Amino acid sequence: MHYRRSLRNTVAGIVVCLLSSIGHAGQSQVNYKYSAAAREIAQLYWLAETANACGWATRQEADEFEAFAVRFLTEHLSGVQRAAFLSMTNDAGFHPGVQRIAFDDHAKNCELDRWKNGWTNYKSAADEHAARY
């Protein structure tokens, strides 16, 4: 229970930083590390799962967005950083944990335009760059 609450607080806190941080990933690949990618993938998964829980996205759209996010962030990592990131995202508990958090908090988040607008903007960007990543 404590782990779940801690994960929820962590994801919710770092989602606020999402809108400015992801754009910087491609600008400085040399300095981009696992810790930044781990934060960002949790944020992006949370956003997709929130969009699905709120009805802004279908299950398929959320899954495709999450797959794009993994490909995009993996592209900006190398070596051990990349291996650690892929290990984290492939862990059996990672995705279900983010799904539970998004679903548990969806009632209050569905009312916030910033999450809906954030989803719309990020989904649009992912769709635009899907062929590249």
C-alpha atoms as a PDB file:
ATOM      1  CA  MET A   1       0.000   0.000   0.000  1.00  0.00           C
ATOM      2  CA  HIS A   2       2.791   2.419   0.905  1.00  0.00           C
ATOM      3  CA  TYR A   3       4.572   1.574  -2.369  1.00  0.00           C
ATOM      4  CA  ARG A   4       1.400   2.346  -4.325  1.00  0.00           C
ATOM      5  CA  ARG A   5       0.851   5.671  -2.543  1.00  0.00           C
ATOM      6  CA  SER A   6       4.501   6.582  -2.996  1.00  0.00           C
ATOM      7  CA  LEU A   7       4.393   5.690  -6.696  1.00  0.00           C
ATOM      8  CA  ARG A   8       1.176   7.688  -7.135  1.00  0.00           C
ATOM      9  CA  ASN A   9       2.712  10.748  -5.479  1.00  0.00           C
ATOM     10  CA  THR A  10       5.883  10.409  -7.524  1.00  0.00           C
ATOM     11  CA  VAL A  11       4.046  10.054 -10.822  1.00  0.00           C
ATOM     12  CA  ALA A  12       1.634  12.877 -10.040  1.00  0.00           C
ATOM     13  CA  GLY A  13       4.462  15.172  -8.999  1.00  0.00           C
ATOM     14  CA  ILE A  14       6.627  14.583 -12.007  1.00  0.00           C
ATOM     15  CA  VAL A  15       3.822  14.779 -14.542  1.00  0.00           C
ATOM     16  CA  VAL A  16       3.748  18.501 -13.870  1.00  0.00           C
ATOM     17  CA  CYS A  17       7.317  18.715 -15.182  1.00  0.00           C
ATOM     18  CA  LEU A  18       6.529  16.645 -18.257  1.00  0.00           C
ATOM     19  CA  LEU A  19       5.386  19.367 -20.577  1.00  0.00           C
ATOM     20  CA  SER A  20       8.760  21.089 -20.580  1.00  0.00           C
ATOM     21  CA  SER A  21      11.157  18.196 -20.085  1.00  0.00           C
ATOM     22  CA  ILE A  22      10.450  15.841 -22.976  1.00  0.00           C
ATOM     23  CA  GLY A  23      11.375  18.391 -25.605  1.00  0.00           C
ATOM     24  CA  HIS A  24      14.877  18.639 -24.198  1.00  0.00           C
ATOM     25  CA  ALA A  25      15.624  14.935 -24.588  1.00  0.00           C
ATOM     26  CA  GLY A  26      16.599  15.213 -28.221  1.00  0.00           C
ATOM     27  CA  GLN A  27      18.638  18.371 -27.713  1.00  0.00           C
ATOM     28  CA  SER A  28      21.350  16.864 -25.547  1.00  0.00           C
ATOM     29  CA  GLN A  29      21.560  13.134 -26.106  1.00  0.00           C
ATOM     30  CA  VAL A  30      25.037  13.046 -24.571  1.00  0.00           C
ATOM     31  CA  ASN A  31      23.653  14.249 -21.214  1.00  0.00           C
ATOM     32  CA  TYR A  32      20.394  12.297 -21.347  1.00  0.00           C
ATOM     33  CA  LYS A  33      20.357   9.591 -18.689  1.00  0.00           C
ATOM     34  CA  TYR A  34      18.259   6.705 -17.442  1.00  0.00           C
ATOM     35  CA  SER A  35      16.898   8.748 -14.525  1.00  0.00           C
ATOM     36  CA  ALA A  36      15.392  11.354 -16.856  1.00  0.00           C
ATOM     37  CA  ALA A  37      14.000   8.685 -19.187  1.00  0.00           C
ATOM     38  CA  ALA A  38      12.511   6.762 -16.249  1.00  0.00           C
ATOM     39  CA  ARG A  39      10.703   9.874 -15.008  1.00  0.00           C
ATOM     40  CA  GLU A  40       9.465  10.739 -18.461  1.00  0.00           C
ATOM     41  CA  ILE A  41       8.183   7.280 -19.355  1.00  0.00           C
ATOM     42  CA  ALA A  42       6.255   7.125 -16.088  1.00  0.00           C
ATOM     43  CA  GLN A  43       4.760  10.516 -16.918  1.00  0.00           C
ATOM     44  CA  LEU A  44       3.892   9.568 -20.483  1.00  0.00           C
ATOM     45  CA  TYR A  45       2.361   6.232 -19.480  1.00  0.00           C
ATOM     46  CA  TRP A  46       0.363   8.016 -16.782  1.00  0.00           C
ATOM     47  CA  LEU A  47      -0.888  10.565 -19.297  1.00  0.00           C
ATOM     48  CA  ALA A  48      -1.934   7.838 -21.751  1.00  0.00           C
ATOM     49  CA  GLU A  49      -3.618   5.792 -19.031  1.00  0.00           C
ATOM     50  CA  THR A  50      -5.411   8.871 -17.716  1.00  0.00           C
ATOM     51  CA  ALA A  51      -6.582   9.673 -21.247  1.00  0.00           C
ATOM     52  CA  ASN A  52      -7.931   6.141 -21.576  1.00  0.00           C
ATOM     53  CA  ALA A  53      -9.624   6.213 -18.156  1.00  0.00           C
ATOM     54  CA  CYS A  54     -11.202   9.595 -18.954  1.00  0.00           C
ATOM     55  CA  GLY A  55     -12.411   8.506 -22.382  1.00  0.00           C
ATOM     56  CA  TRP A  56     -10.155  10.870 -24.334  1.00  0.00           C
ATOM     57  CA  ALA A  57      -8.343   7.899 -25.892  1.00  0.00           C
ATOM     58  CA  THR A  58      -9.164   4.340 -26.803  1.00  0.00           C
ATOM     59  CA  ARG A  59      -7.148   1.478 -25.350  1.00  0.00           C
ATOM     60  CA  GLN A  60      -5.438   1.105 -28.726  1.00  0.00           C
ATOM     61  CA  GLU A  61      -4.511   4.800 -28.882  1.00  0.00           C
ATOM     62  CA  ALA A  62      -3.060   4.672 -25.376  1.00  0.00           C
ATOM     63  CA  ASP A  63      -1.069   1.521 -26.185  1.00  0.00           C
ATOM     64  CA  GLU A  64       0.275   2.993 -29.417  1.00  0.00           C
ATOM     65  CA  PHE A  65       1.273   6.197 -27.635  1.00  0.00           C
ATOM     66  CA  GLU A  66       3.070   4.246 -24.908  1.00  0.00           C
ATOM     67  CA  ALA A  67       4.921   2.172 -27.519  1.00  0.00           C
ATOM     68  CA  PHE A  68       5.959   5.357 -29.311  1.00  0.00           C
ATOM     69  CA  ALA A  69       7.165   6.883 -26.044  1.00  0.00           C
ATOM     70  CA  VAL A  70       9.366   3.856 -25.343  1.00  0.00           C
ATOM     71  CA  ARG A  71      10.830   3.980 -28.867  1.00  0.00           C
ATOM     72  CA  PHE A  72      11.395   7.739 -28.654  1.00  0.00           C
ATOM     73  CA  LEU A  73      13.101   7.681 -25.273  1.00  0.00           C
ATOM     74  CA  THR A  74      15.141   4.566 -26.106  1.00  0.00           C
ATOM     75  CA  GLU A  75      16.502   6.374 -29.144  1.00  0.00           C
ATOM     76  CA  HIS A  76      18.030   8.995 -26.838  1.00  0.00           C
ATOM     77  CA  LEU A  77      19.811   6.514 -24.581  1.00  0.00           C
ATOM     78  CA  SER A  78      22.766   4.249 -25.146  1.00  0.00           C
ATOM     79  CA  GLY A  79      24.551   1.309 -23.556  1.00  0.00           C
ATOM     80  CA  VAL A  80      23.742   0.531 -19.946  1.00  0.00           C
ATOM     81  CA  GLN A  81      21.330   3.480 -19.737  1.00  0.00           C
ATOM     82  CA  ARG A  82      19.262   1.996 -22.571  1.00  0.00           C
ATOM     83  CA  ALA A  83      19.383  -1.525 -21.136  1.00  0.00           C
ATOM     84  CA  ALA A  84      18.226  -0.311 -17.709  1.00  0.00           C
ATOM     85  CA  PHE A  85      15.406   1.699 -19.261  1.00  0.00           C
ATOM     86  CA  LEU A  86      14.154  -1.237 -21.333  1.00  0.00           C
ATOM     87  CA  SER A  87      14.388  -3.522 -18.310  1.00  0.00           C
ATOM     88  CA  MET A  88      12.239  -1.110 -16.307  1.00  0.00           C
ATOM     89  CA  THR A  89       9.590  -0.695 -19.004  1.00  0.00           C
ATOM     90  CA  ASN A  90       9.459  -4.453 -19.614  1.00  0.00           C
ATOM     91  CA  ASP A  91       9.065  -5.263 -15.917  1.00  0.00           C
ATOM     92  CA  ALA A  92       5.751  -7.042 -15.363  1.00  0.00           C
ATOM     93  CA  GLY A  93       4.656  -4.620 -12.632  1.00  0.00           C
ATOM     94  CA  PHE A  94       5.507  -1.304 -14.266  1.00  0.00           C
ATOM     95  CA  HIS A  95       2.621  -0.847 -16.704  1.00  0.00           C
ATOM     96  CA  PRO A  96      -0.119  -2.277 -14.438  1.00  0.00           C
ATOM     97  CA  GLY A  97       1.132  -0.057 -11.599  1.00  0.00           C
ATOM     98  CA  VAL A  98       0.829   3.092 -13.695  1.00  0.00           C
ATOM     99  CA  GLN A  99      -2.589   1.948 -14.960  1.00  0.00           C
ATOM    100  CA  ARG A 100      -3.868   1.510 -11.387  1.00  0.00           C
ATOM    101  CA  ILE A 101      -2.646   4.928 -10.340  1.00  0.00           C
ATOM    102  CA  ALA A 102      -4.203   6.629 -13.365  1.00  0.00           C
ATOM    103  CA  PHE A 103      -7.503   4.814 -12.845  1.00  0.00           C
ATOM    104  CA  ASP A 104      -7.609   5.475  -9.096  1.00  0.00           C
ATOM    105  CA  ASP A 105      -7.175   9.219  -9.649  1.00  0.00           C
ATOM    106  CA  HIS A 106      -9.024   9.597 -12.935  1.00  0.00           C
ATOM    107  CA  ALA A 107     -12.189  11.177 -11.504  1.00  0.00           C
ATOM    108  CA  LYS A 108     -10.386  14.323 -10.403  1.00  0.00           C
ATOM    109  CA  ASN A 109      -7.952  14.354 -13.338  1.00  0.00           C
ATOM    110  CA  CYS A 110     -10.685  14.042 -15.972  1.00  0.00           C
ATOM    111  CA  GLU A 111     -11.977  17.433 -14.872  1.00  0.00           C
ATOM    112  CA  LEU A 112      -8.646  19.185 -15.471  1.00  0.00           C
ATOM    113  CA  ASP A 113      -8.184  20.728 -18.896  1.00  0.00           C
ATOM    114  CA  ARG A 114      -4.399  20.702 -18.530  1.00  0.00           C
ATOM    115  CA  TRP A 115      -4.333  16.890 -18.660  1.00  0.00           C
ATOM    116  CA  LYS A 116      -6.775  16.710 -21.558  1.00  0.00           C
ATOM    117  CA  ASN A 117      -4.877  19.411 -23.457  1.00  0.00           C
ATOM    118  CA  GLY A 118      -1.576  17.744 -22.576  1.00  0.00           C
ATOM    119  CA  TRP A 119      -2.854  14.433 -23.939  1.00  0.00           C
ATOM    120  CA  THR A 120      -4.100  16.061 -27.129  1.00  0.00           C
ATOM    121  CA  ASN A 121      -0.786  17.837 -27.729  1.00  0.00           C
ATOM    122  CA  TYR A 122       1.446  14.859 -26.936  1.00  0.00           C
ATOM    123  CA  LYS A 123      -0.714  12.434 -28.913  1.00  0.00           C
ATOM    124  CA  SER A 124      -0.608  14.767 -31.892  1.00  0.00           C
ATOM    125  CA  ALA A 125       3.194  15.060 -31.675  1.00  0.00           C
ATOM    126  CA  ALA A 126       3.552  11.273 -31.353  1.00  0.00           C
ATOM    127  CA  ASP A 127       1.327  10.708 -34.378  1.00  0.00           C
ATOM    128  CA  GLU A 128       3.309  13.256 -36.370  1.00  0.00           C
ATOM    129  CA  HIS A 129       6.630  11.560 -35.570  1.00  0.00           C
ATOM    130  CA  ALA A 130       5.488   7.932 -35.459  1.00  0.00           C
ATOM    131  CA  ALA A 131       7.308   6.993 -38.661  1.00  0.00           C
ATOM    132  CA  ARG A 132      10.576   8.497 -37.403  1.00  0.00           C
ATOM    133  CA  TYR A 133      10.650   6.493 -34.168  1.00  0.00           C
END
